PDB file of N, CA and C in Angstrom:
ATOM      1  N   MET A   1      63.909 155.380 164.031  1.00  0.00           N
ATOM      2  CA  MET A   1      64.798 156.379 163.349  1.00  0.00           C
ATOM      3  C   MET A   1      66.013 155.631 162.327  1.00  0.00           C
ATOM      4  N   ASN A   2      66.165 156.060 161.690  1.00  0.00           N
ATOM      5  CA  ASN A   2      67.487 155.204 160.846  1.00  0.00           C
ATOM      6  C   ASN A   2      68.810 155.942 161.139  1.00  0.00           C
ATOM      7  N   GLU A   3      69.779 155.001 161.802  1.00  0.00           N
ATOM      8  CA  GLU A   3      71.102 155.246 162.120  1.00  0.00           C
ATOM      9  C   GLU A   3      71.630 156.135 161.020  1.00  0.00           C
ATOM     10  N   PHE A   4      71.280 155.858 159.732  1.00  0.00           N
ATOM     11  CA  PHE A   4      72.356 156.954 158.845  1.00  0.00           C
ATOM     12  C   PHE A   4      71.575 158.125 158.500  1.00  0.00           C
ATOM     13  N   MET A   5      70.493 158.118 158.952  1.00  0.00           N
ATOM     14  CA  MET A   5      69.812 159.700 158.884  1.00  0.00           C
ATOM     15  C   MET A   5      70.473 160.484 159.916  1.00  0.00           C
ATOM     16  N   PRO A   6      71.266 161.870 159.067  1.00  0.00           N
ATOM     17  CA  PRO A   6      71.561 162.712 159.977  1.00  0.00           C
ATOM     18  C   PRO A   6      70.521 163.332 160.853  1.00  0.00           C
ATOM     19  N   GLU A   7      71.293 163.995 162.176  1.00  0.00           N
ATOM     20  CA  GLU A   7      70.483 164.357 163.093  1.00  0.00           C
ATOM     21  C   GLU A   7      69.626 165.027 162.997  1.00  0.00           C
ATOM     22  N   LYS A   8      69.945 166.147 162.167  1.00  0.00           N
ATOM     23  CA  LYS A   8      69.056 167.351 161.632  1.00  0.00           C
ATOM     24  C   LYS A   8      67.718 166.619 161.028  1.00  0.00           C
ATOM     25  N   GLU A   9      67.850 165.748 160.353  1.00  0.00           N
ATOM     26  CA  GLU A   9      66.521 165.154 159.624  1.00  0.00           C
ATOM     27  C   GLU A   9      65.791 164.353 160.570  1.00  0.00           C
ATOM     28  N   GLN A  10      66.568 163.631 161.489  1.00  0.00           N
ATOM     29  CA  GLN A  10      66.042 163.058 162.733  1.00  0.00           C
ATOM     30  C   GLN A  10      65.393 163.957 163.547  1.00  0.00           C
ATOM     31  N   ALA A  11      65.749 165.230 163.927  1.00  0.00           N
ATOM     32  CA  ALA A  11      64.914 166.217 164.794  1.00  0.00           C
ATOM     33  C   ALA A  11      63.587 166.666 163.570  1.00  0.00           C
ATOM     34  N   THR A  12      63.902 166.917 162.500  1.00  0.00           N
ATOM     35  CA  THR A  12      62.666 167.316 161.807  1.00  0.00           C
ATOM     36  C   THR A  12      61.851 166.504 161.666  1.00  0.00           C
ATOM     37  N   ALA A  13      62.028 165.017 161.717  1.00  0.00           N
ATOM     38  CA  ALA A  13      61.121 163.904 161.360  1.00  0.00           C
ATOM     39  C   ALA A  13      60.066 164.023 162.612  1.00  0.00           C
ATOM     40  N   LEU A  14      61.079 164.023 163.891  1.00  0.00           N
ATOM     41  CA  LEU A  14      60.341 163.872 165.191  1.00  0.00           C
ATOM     42  C   LEU A  14      59.337 165.150 165.418  1.00  0.00           C
ATOM     43  N   ILE A  15      60.106 166.326 164.935  1.00  0.00           N
ATOM     44  CA  ILE A  15      59.073 167.503 165.302  1.00  0.00           C
ATOM     45  C   ILE A  15      57.879 167.354 164.477  1.00  0.00           C
ATOM     46  N   GLU A  16      57.685 166.868 163.049  1.00  0.00           N
ATOM     47  CA  GLU A  16      56.959 166.832 162.332  1.00  0.00           C
ATOM     48  C   GLU A  16      55.529 165.795 162.743  1.00  0.00           C
ATOM     49  N   GLU A  17      56.198 164.650 163.380  1.00  0.00           N
ATOM     50  CA  GLU A  17      55.439 163.617 164.115  1.00  0.00           C
ATOM     51  C   GLU A  17      54.868 164.137 165.423  1.00  0.00           C
ATOM     52  N   TYR A  18      55.251 165.018 165.888  1.00  0.00           N
ATOM     53  CA  TYR A  18      54.827 165.608 167.519  1.00  0.00           C
ATOM     54  C   TYR A  18      53.960 166.710 167.048  1.00  0.00           C
ATOM     55  N   ALA A  19      53.870 167.242 165.938  1.00  0.00           N
ATOM     56  CA  ALA A  19      53.103 168.191 165.547  1.00  0.00           C
ATOM     57  C   ALA A  19      51.771 167.528 165.060  1.00  0.00           C
ATOM     58  N   LYS A  20      51.876 166.717 164.184  1.00  0.00           N
ATOM     59  CA  LYS A  20      50.535 165.669 163.932  1.00  0.00           C
ATOM     60  C   LYS A  20      49.945 164.913 164.971  1.00  0.00           C
ATOM     61  N   LEU A  21      50.535 164.730 166.173  1.00  0.00           N
ATOM     62  CA  LEU A  21      49.774 164.189 167.233  1.00  0.00           C
ATOM     63  C   LEU A  21      49.121 165.654 167.987  1.00  0.00           C
ATOM     64  N   GLN A  22      49.820 166.565 167.896  1.00  0.00           N
ATOM     65  CA  GLN A  22      49.169 167.630 168.416  1.00  0.00           C
ATOM     66  C   GLN A  22      47.933 168.171 167.829  1.00  0.00           C
ATOM     67  N   ARG A  23      47.863 168.036 166.651  1.00  0.00           N
ATOM     68  CA  ARG A  23      46.896 168.224 165.850  1.00  0.00           C
ATOM     69  C   ARG A  23      45.740 166.996 165.779  1.00  0.00           C
ATOM     70  N   ILE A  24      45.960 165.933 165.809  1.00  0.00           N
ATOM     71  CA  ILE A  24      44.944 164.936 166.458  1.00  0.00           C
ATOM     72  C   ILE A  24      44.206 165.336 167.613  1.00  0.00           C
ATOM     73  N   LYS A  25      45.260 165.568 168.767  1.00  0.00           N
ATOM     74  CA  LYS A  25      44.706 165.923 170.316  1.00  0.00           C
ATOM     75  C   LYS A  25      44.007 166.850 170.200  1.00  0.00           C
ATOM     76  N   ALA A  26      44.127 168.160 169.318  1.00  0.00           N
ATOM     77  CA  ALA A  26      43.251 169.253 169.651  1.00  0.00           C
ATOM     78  C   ALA A  26      42.164 169.259 168.382  1.00  0.00           C
ATOM     79  N   ALA A  27      42.314 168.481 167.383  1.00  0.00           N
ATOM     80  CA  ALA A  27      41.036 168.554 166.366  1.00  0.00           C
ATOM     81  C   ALA A  27      39.701 168.327 167.088  1.00  0.00           C
ATOM     82  N   PRO A  28      38.617 169.003 166.508  1.00  0.00           N
ATOM     83  CA  PRO A  28      37.405 168.750 167.298  1.00  0.00           C
ATOM     84  C   PRO A  28      36.740 167.547 166.529  1.00  0.00           C
ATOM     85  N   ASN A  29      37.027 167.110 165.445  1.00  0.00           N
ATOM     86  CA  ASN A  29      36.858 165.818 165.141  1.00  0.00           C
ATOM     87  C   ASN A  29      38.220 164.845 164.831  1.00  0.00           C
ATOM     88  N   ARG A  30      38.104 163.858 165.837  1.00  0.00           N
ATOM     89  CA  ARG A  30      39.224 163.414 165.953  1.00  0.00           C
ATOM     90  C   ARG A  30      39.489 162.220 164.827  1.00  0.00           C
ATOM     91  N   ASP A  31      38.429 161.677 164.607  1.00  0.00           N
ATOM     92  CA  ASP A  31      38.599 160.634 163.451  1.00  0.00           C
ATOM     93  C   ASP A  31      38.897 161.393 161.915  1.00  0.00           C
ATOM     94  N   GLU A  32      38.004 162.347 161.988  1.00  0.00           N
ATOM     95  CA  GLU A  32      38.559 163.014 160.455  1.00  0.00           C
ATOM     96  C   GLU A  32      39.820 163.500 160.209  1.00  0.00           C
ATOM     97  N   GLU A  33      40.254 163.642 161.712  1.00  0.00           N
ATOM     98  CA  GLU A  33      42.068 164.263 161.592  1.00  0.00           C
ATOM     99  C   GLU A  33      42.857 163.317 161.477  1.00  0.00           C
ATOM    100  N   ILE A  34      42.320 161.811 162.012  1.00  0.00           N
ATOM    101  CA  ILE A  34      43.372 160.754 162.062  1.00  0.00           C
ATOM    102  C   ILE A  34      43.095 160.435 160.647  1.00  0.00           C
ATOM    103  N   ASP A  35      42.187 160.178 159.858  1.00  0.00           N
ATOM    104  CA  ASP A  35      41.928 159.723 158.478  1.00  0.00           C
ATOM    105  C   ASP A  35      42.746 160.720 157.585  1.00  0.00           C
ATOM    106  N   TYR A  36      42.781 162.345 157.798  1.00  0.00           N
ATOM    107  CA  TYR A  36      43.378 163.024 156.849  1.00  0.00           C
ATOM    108  C   TYR A  36      44.910 162.587 157.266  1.00  0.00           C
ATOM    109  N   GLN A  37      45.642 162.381 158.272  1.00  0.00           N
ATOM    110  CA  GLN A  37      46.934 162.047 158.529  1.00  0.00           C
ATOM    111  C   GLN A  37      47.304 160.682 157.965  1.00  0.00           C
ATOM    112  N   ILE A  38      46.193 159.566 158.049  1.00  0.00           N
ATOM    113  CA  ILE A  38      46.842 158.496 157.204  1.00  0.00           C
ATOM    114  C   ILE A  38      46.859 158.924 155.776  1.00  0.00           C
ATOM    115  N   LYS A  39      45.474 159.407 155.402  1.00  0.00           N
ATOM    116  CA  LYS A  39      45.966 159.804 153.868  1.00  0.00           C
ATOM    117  C   LYS A  39      47.086 160.158 153.570  1.00  0.00           C
ATOM    118  N   THR A  40      47.573 161.536 153.913  1.00  0.00           N
ATOM    119  CA  THR A  40      48.864 162.044 153.687  1.00  0.00           C
ATOM    120  C   THR A  40      50.272 161.231 153.894  1.00  0.00           C
ATOM    121  N   ALA A  41      49.861 160.245 155.030  1.00  0.00           N
ATOM    122  CA  ALA A  41      51.207 159.406 155.273  1.00  0.00           C
ATOM    123  C   ALA A  41      51.128 158.434 153.865  1.00  0.00           C
ATOM    124  N   LYS A  42      49.773 157.873 153.426  1.00  0.00           N
ATOM    125  CA  LYS A  42      49.761 156.886 152.494  1.00  0.00           C
ATOM    126  C   LYS A  42      50.252 157.580 151.022  1.00  0.00           C
ATOM    127  N   ALA A  43      50.171 159.053 150.855  1.00  0.00           N
ATOM    128  CA  ALA A  43      50.536 159.592 149.585  1.00  0.00           C
ATOM    129  C   ALA A  43      51.801 159.817 149.602  1.00  0.00           C
ATOM    130  N   LYS A  44      52.377 159.981 150.808  1.00  0.00           N
ATOM    131  CA  LYS A  44      54.103 160.248 151.107  1.00  0.00           C
ATOM    132  C   LYS A  44      54.774 158.916 150.821  1.00  0.00           C
ATOM    133  N   LEU A  45      54.226 157.651 151.075  1.00  0.00           N
ATOM    134  CA  LEU A  45      54.785 156.301 151.167  1.00  0.00           C
ATOM    135  C   LEU A  45      54.758 155.947 149.482  1.00  0.00           C
ATOM    136  N   GLU A  46      53.435 156.186 148.905  1.00  0.00           N
ATOM    137  CA  GLU A  46      53.457 155.936 147.552  1.00  0.00           C
ATOM    138  C   GLU A  46      54.114 156.366 146.556  1.00  0.00           C
ATOM    139  N   ALA A  47      54.375 157.893 147.123  1.00  0.00           N
ATOM    140  CA  ALA A  47      55.483 158.867 145.959  1.00  0.00           C
ATOM    141  C   ALA A  47      56.807 158.136 146.069  1.00  0.00           C
ATOM    142  N   LEU A  48      57.214 157.605 147.135  1.00  0.00           N
ATOM    143  CA  LEU A  48      58.339 156.851 147.466  1.00  0.00           C
ATOM    144  C   LEU A  48      58.185 155.115 146.683  1.00  0.00           C
ATOM    145  N   GLY A  49      57.259 155.113 146.269  1.00  0.00           N
ATOM    146  CA  GLY A  49      57.264 153.779 145.702  1.00  0.00           C
ATOM    147  C   GLY A  49      56.944 152.537 146.234  1.00  0.00           C
ATOM    148  N   ILE A  50      56.276 152.723 147.746  1.00  0.00           N
ATOM    149  CA  ILE A  50      55.990 151.825 148.781  1.00  0.00           C
ATOM    150  C   ILE A  50      54.473 151.495 148.539  1.00  0.00           C
ATOM    151  N   VAL A  51      54.253 150.219 148.218  1.00  0.00           N
ATOM    152  CA  VAL A  51      52.779 149.708 148.348  1.00  0.00           C
ATOM    153  C   VAL A  51      52.158 149.971 149.696  1.00  0.00           C
ATOM    154  N   THR A  52      51.045 150.425 149.974  1.00  0.00           N
ATOM    155  CA  THR A  52      50.558 150.623 151.243  1.00  0.00           C
ATOM    156  C   THR A  52      48.892 149.628 151.598  1.00  0.00           C
ATOM    157  N   GLU A  53      48.761 149.111 150.472  1.00  0.00           N
ATOM    158  CA  GLU A  53      47.618 148.342 150.651  1.00  0.00           C
ATOM    159  C   GLU A  53      47.579 147.113 151.549  1.00  0.00           C
ATOM    160  N   ASN A  54      48.703 146.469 151.889  1.00  0.00           N
ATOM    161  CA  ASN A  54      48.967 145.422 152.933  1.00  0.00           C
ATOM    162  C   ASN A  54      48.805 146.295 154.138  1.00  0.00           C
ATOM    163  N   LEU A  55      49.287 147.377 154.340  1.00  0.00           N
ATOM    164  CA  LEU A  55      49.125 147.849 155.670  1.00  0.00           C
ATOM    165  C   LEU A  55      47.816 148.426 156.420  1.00  0.00           C
ATOM    166  N   ASP A  56      46.893 148.590 155.526  1.00  0.00           N
ATOM    167  CA  ASP A  56      45.359 148.998 155.848  1.00  0.00           C
ATOM    168  C   ASP A  56      44.888 147.793 156.494  1.00  0.00           C
ATOM    169  N   LYS A  57      43.989 148.032 157.824  1.00  0.00           N
ATOM    170  CA  LYS A  57      43.444 147.226 158.598  1.00  0.00           C
ATOM    171  C   LYS A  57      42.056 146.989 157.827  1.00  0.00           C
TER     172      LYS A  57
END
């Protein structure tokens, strides 16, 4: 987390991360859920102008 990020933003980001992990854990098809989570994270990064192609395995 960024030390310049307000505490409420940090809490919100961590709650969202926790919820994503719980979705993966409870998903009937974890691989599909992980693919979905990756797709949404990539979209958010690209919306901020961050190139993601070098992050892919």
